[in-house]
Amino acid sequence: MTATIYLKSGTSVFAKNVVSIKESFTETTEYKDFKNFIFRDGYFYTFIGENIVAINGVDILYVNFSN
């Protein structure tokens, strides 16, 4: 699945064939089910797939997942 990450700056980045997302604050949690996933300000997110995208949650406007 491809994640298109739309940023508050008006740009977007792609993470291809995403298999997991790591969420980091004081601890790191890895998610493989994105159905009810919530992005939070102040957390850091790493999208892991064909490429790896690391981003601060405060910069994320929204994320679109597609096949």
Protein backbone atom coordinates (compact mmCIF):
# COMPACT_ATOMS: atom_id res chain seq x y z
CA MET A 1 0.00 0.00 0.00
CA THR A 2 1.24 3.50 -0.81
CA ALA A 3 0.99 6.30 1.74
CA THR A 4 0.75 9.84 0.42
CA ILE A 5 1.64 12.13 3.30
CA TYR A 6 0.28 15.64 2.86
CA LEU A 7 2.19 18.23 4.84
CA LYS A 8 1.00 21.49 6.34
CA SER A 9 3.66 23.24 4.24
CA GLY A 10 1.63 22.38 1.12
CA THR A 11 3.93 19.63 -0.16
CA SER A 12 3.52 15.87 -0.05
CA VAL A 13 5.78 12.84 0.17
CA PHE A 14 5.22 9.21 -0.82
CA ALA A 15 6.06 6.03 1.03
CA LYS A 16 5.72 3.03 -1.31
CA ASN A 17 4.61 -0.46 -0.28
CA VAL A 18 4.26 0.50 3.38
CA VAL A 19 4.33 -2.54 5.67
CA SER A 20 4.51 -0.72 9.01
CA ILE A 21 4.54 2.65 10.73
CA LYS A 22 6.65 3.33 13.78
CA GLU A 23 5.35 5.94 16.21
CA SER A 24 7.88 7.45 18.62
CA PHE A 25 7.46 9.72 21.62
CA THR A 26 9.08 8.42 24.79
CA GLU A 27 8.81 4.86 23.48
CA THR A 28 8.51 3.41 19.99
CA THR A 29 5.48 1.41 18.89
CA GLU A 30 5.20 -0.35 15.52
CA TYR A 31 1.82 -0.64 13.76
CA LYS A 32 0.92 -2.93 10.87
CA ASP A 33 -2.83 -2.21 10.84
CA PHE A 34 -3.55 1.32 9.62
CA LYS A 35 -7.35 1.12 9.58
CA ASN A 36 -7.95 3.22 12.72
CA PHE A 37 -4.54 4.81 13.01
CA ILE A 38 -4.40 8.32 14.51
CA PHE A 39 -1.53 10.75 13.93
CA ARG A 40 -0.65 12.99 16.87
CA ASP A 41 1.23 16.28 17.13
CA GLY A 42 4.52 15.93 18.98
CA TYR A 43 5.06 12.31 17.92
CA PHE A 44 7.51 11.21 15.25
CA TYR A 45 6.44 8.76 12.52
CA THR A 46 8.52 6.47 10.36
CA PHE A 47 6.80 4.89 7.35
CA ILE A 48 8.63 1.69 6.44
CA GLY A 49 8.31 0.13 3.01
CA GLU A 50 10.18 0.26 -0.29
CA ASN A 51 11.50 3.59 0.91
CA ILE A 52 11.55 5.00 4.44
CA VAL A 53 9.98 8.33 5.34
CA ALA A 54 10.50 9.85 8.80
CA ILE A 55 8.43 12.89 9.76
CA ASN A 56 7.27 14.86 12.77
CA GLY A 57 3.55 14.45 13.42
CA VAL A 58 3.12 18.21 13.86
CA ASP A 59 3.96 18.61 10.13
CA ILE A 60 1.32 16.13 8.90
CA LEU A 61 -1.93 17.55 7.53
CA TYR A 62 -3.34 14.14 6.51
CA VAL A 63 -2.31 10.78 5.06
CA ASN A 64 -3.98 8.92 2.19
CA PHE A 65 -3.42 5.16 1.93
CA SER A 66 -4.04 3.52 -1.45
CA ASN A 67 -3.29 0.22 -3.17
